[in-house]
Protein backbone atom coordinates (compact mmCIF):
# COMPACT_ATOMS: atom_id res chain seq x y z
CA MET A 1 10.89 -9.33 -10.69
CA THR A 2 10.16 -10.40 -7.13
CA ASP A 3 6.70 -11.57 -6.16
CA HIS A 4 5.30 -8.16 -5.24
CA THR A 5 1.62 -7.32 -5.56
CA LEU A 6 -0.21 -4.02 -5.98
CA VAL A 7 -3.86 -4.02 -4.87
CA LEU A 8 -5.79 -1.03 -6.21
CA GLY A 9 -9.37 0.09 -5.72
CA GLY A 10 -11.69 2.72 -4.37
CA ALA A 11 -12.63 3.39 -0.76
CA ARG A 12 -14.13 0.33 0.96
CA SER A 13 -13.60 -1.84 -2.11
CA GLY A 14 -11.96 -4.67 -0.14
CA LYS A 15 -8.31 -3.76 -0.83
CA SER A 16 -7.01 -4.21 2.70
CA ARG A 17 -8.90 -7.46 3.29
CA ARG A 18 -7.56 -8.82 -0.01
CA ALA A 19 -3.99 -7.86 0.90
CA ILE A 20 -4.30 -9.53 4.30
CA VAL A 21 -5.65 -12.77 2.82
CA ARG A 22 -2.86 -12.81 0.23
CA ALA A 23 -0.19 -12.23 2.89
CA GLU A 24 -1.57 -14.98 5.12
CA SER A 25 -1.41 -17.43 2.20
CA TYR A 26 2.40 -17.34 2.47
CA ASN A 27 2.21 -19.16 5.84
CA VAL A 28 4.78 -16.90 7.48
CA HIS A 29 4.65 -14.34 10.28
CA PRO A 30 3.21 -11.36 8.33
CA VAL A 31 4.02 -7.71 8.93
CA TYR A 32 1.48 -4.94 8.49
CA ILE A 33 3.09 -1.60 7.70
CA ALA A 34 0.56 1.10 8.54
CA THR A 35 1.13 4.52 7.04
CA ALA A 36 -1.71 6.38 8.80
CA GLU A 37 -1.02 8.58 11.76
CA PRO A 38 -3.67 8.60 14.52
CA LEU A 39 -4.18 12.36 14.49
CA ASP A 40 -7.78 12.34 15.76
CA ASP A 41 -10.21 10.12 17.67
CA GLU A 42 -11.92 8.78 14.57
CA MET A 43 -8.62 7.70 13.02
CA GLU A 44 -7.55 6.09 16.30
CA GLU A 45 -10.79 4.07 16.25
CA ARG A 46 -10.19 3.00 12.63
CA ILE A 47 -6.65 1.90 13.41
CA ALA A 48 -7.79 -0.07 16.47
CA ALA A 49 -10.54 -1.80 14.46
CA HIS A 50 -8.08 -2.74 11.69
CA ARG A 51 -5.58 -4.08 14.23
CA GLU A 52 -8.26 -6.22 15.90
CA GLU A 53 -9.48 -7.51 12.53
CA ARG A 54 -5.98 -8.71 11.60
CA GLY A 55 -5.43 -10.66 14.79
CA GLU A 56 -2.52 -11.09 17.15
CA HIS A 57 -0.32 -13.10 14.78
CA TRP A 58 0.39 -9.93 12.80
CA CYS A 59 3.30 -7.65 13.63
CA THR A 60 2.28 -4.02 13.06
CA LEU A 61 4.72 -1.23 12.28
CA GLU A 62 3.64 2.40 12.01
CA VAL A 63 5.64 3.97 9.19
CA PRO A 64 4.18 7.27 7.97
CA LEU A 65 7.20 8.29 5.83
CA LEU A 66 10.28 6.04 5.82
CA LEU A 67 8.72 3.18 3.90
CA SER A 68 11.77 1.96 1.96
CA SER A 69 13.84 1.62 5.13
CA ALA A 70 11.12 -0.37 6.88
CA LEU A 71 10.71 -2.68 3.89
CA ARG A 72 14.44 -3.35 3.65
CA GLU A 73 14.58 -4.21 7.35
CA GLN A 74 11.62 -6.62 7.19
CA ALA A 75 12.79 -8.25 3.93
CA LYS A 76 16.12 -9.12 5.57
CA LEU A 77 14.07 -11.19 8.02
CA GLY A 78 12.20 -12.84 5.13
CA ARG A 79 8.85 -11.46 6.21
CA VAL A 80 5.94 -10.87 3.87
CA CYS A 81 4.71 -7.30 4.31
CA VAL A 82 1.44 -5.54 3.61
CA VAL A 83 1.81 -1.78 3.13
CA ASP A 84 -1.53 -0.11 3.83
CA CYS A 85 -1.89 2.33 2.33
CA LEU A 86 0.19 4.15 -0.23
CA THR A 87 -2.43 6.86 -0.66
CA ILE A 88 -1.97 7.95 2.94
CA TRP A 89 1.81 7.58 2.57
CA LEU A 90 1.67 9.92 -0.44
CA SER A 91 -0.50 12.35 1.52
CA ASN A 92 2.06 12.27 4.35
CA LEU A 93 4.89 12.97 1.91
CA MET A 94 3.07 15.97 0.49
CA HIS A 95 2.07 17.22 3.94
CA TYR A 96 5.71 17.14 5.10
CA GLU A 97 6.81 18.73 1.79
CA LYS A 98 8.77 15.71 0.56
CA ASP A 99 9.17 15.07 -3.17
CA PRO A 100 6.61 12.38 -4.15
CA ASP A 101 8.42 11.50 -7.40
CA GLU A 102 11.73 11.05 -5.59
CA ALA A 103 10.08 8.92 -2.87
CA THR A 104 8.31 6.83 -5.53
CA HIS A 105 11.60 6.25 -7.33
CA GLU A 106 13.22 5.17 -4.05
CA LEU A 107 10.33 2.81 -3.31
CA CYS A 108 10.50 1.18 -6.75
CA THR A 109 14.27 0.80 -6.47
CA THR A 110 13.86 -0.76 -3.02
CA LEU A 111 11.19 -3.19 -4.23
CA ALA A 112 13.51 -4.40 -7.00
CA GLU A 113 16.14 -5.28 -4.36
CA LEU A 114 13.89 -7.18 -1.94
CA GLY A 115 13.65 -10.95 -1.83
CA ALA A 116 10.54 -11.13 0.37
CA PRO A 117 7.05 -10.59 -1.04
CA ILE A 118 5.47 -7.18 -0.53
CA ILE A 119 1.76 -6.46 -0.96
CA LEU A 120 1.01 -2.81 -1.55
CA VAL A 121 -2.44 -1.26 -1.09
CA SER A 122 -3.29 1.93 -2.95
CA ASN A 123 -6.39 3.88 -3.92
CA GLU A 124 -7.34 4.49 -7.50
CA VAL A 125 -8.30 8.15 -7.37
CA GLY A 126 -8.48 8.93 -11.09
CA LEU A 127 -11.99 7.60 -11.72
CA GLY A 128 -13.89 10.51 -10.20
CA ILE A 129 -14.37 14.14 -11.01
CA VAL A 130 -11.47 16.54 -11.48
CA PRO A 131 -10.53 17.92 -8.05
CA GLU A 132 -11.57 21.49 -7.42
CA SER A 133 -8.32 22.79 -5.92
CA PRO A 134 -4.77 22.93 -7.28
CA LEU A 135 -3.59 20.84 -4.30
CA GLY A 136 -6.26 18.23 -5.01
CA ARG A 137 -5.24 18.05 -8.69
CA ARG A 138 -1.55 17.82 -7.71
CA PHE A 139 -2.35 14.97 -5.31
CA ARG A 140 -4.47 13.11 -7.88
CA ASP A 141 -1.70 13.40 -10.47
CA ALA A 142 0.97 12.23 -8.01
CA GLN A 143 -1.25 9.28 -6.98
CA GLY A 144 -1.72 8.30 -10.61
CA ARG A 145 2.03 8.43 -11.27
CA LEU A 146 2.73 6.44 -8.09
CA ASN A 147 0.23 3.73 -9.08
CA GLN A 148 1.62 3.51 -12.62
CA ARG A 149 5.21 3.19 -11.41
CA LEU A 150 4.32 0.53 -8.87
CA ALA A 151 2.21 -1.42 -11.35
CA ALA A 152 5.27 -1.55 -13.62
CA CYS A 153 7.51 -2.99 -10.89
CA CYS A 154 5.07 -5.50 -9.37
CA ALA A 155 4.54 -9.01 -10.71
CA GLN A 156 0.85 -8.94 -9.75
CA VAL A 157 -1.66 -6.10 -9.98
CA GLU A 158 -5.26 -6.46 -8.87
CA PHE A 159 -8.16 -4.03 -8.95
CA MET A 160 -10.83 -4.46 -6.28
CA VAL A 161 -14.49 -3.73 -6.96
CA ALA A 162 -17.18 -4.55 -4.38
CA GLY A 163 -14.85 -7.02 -2.66
CA LEU A 164 -14.06 -8.84 -5.91
CA PRO A 165 -10.53 -8.94 -7.34
CA MET A 166 -9.93 -8.27 -11.00
CA THR A 167 -6.47 -9.38 -12.16
CA LEU A 168 -4.83 -6.67 -14.24
CA LYS A 169 -1.32 -8.17 -14.36
CA GLY A 170 -0.01 -11.63 -13.56
CA GLU A 171 -1.89 -14.85 -12.89
CA PRO A 172 -5.15 -14.79 -10.91
CA GLN A 173 -4.50 -15.64 -7.25
CA ILE A 174 -6.51 -17.11 -4.38
């Protein structure tokens, strides 16, 4: 199992910050793979703020769908990657009517082949109320399956609460 990490948590729990700190600890030129598409002004502002927070030493790739391909390409260069976030990636897959289970399988297969460390950020959406709509329940279920599959193929799994990491799998890290 390669040194991949899954960072889970709720909204504004510190997941992205934790992933960035972990990536920077490798002392290499890190790559930030952003899955969000700037479809409105508010999202554009969020993306700009995140980019500024990371700093200029980060390479940023916008990859709303073709995540496995981007990871393979960056791993060949030996770059540590942060994928932020898988929840939006899953939402993109569903929006474009792609099969989430097939894409999850492809991602897990890709991760097993990569020699460079990957840090994956994902929301834990199963702690709240049952979604009201069938689409919301389908999304919640797909997110839960995605998180379970990735937790199984990552050496490290952390859960963020109020900016504090809780190690669920592997040795506690910085």
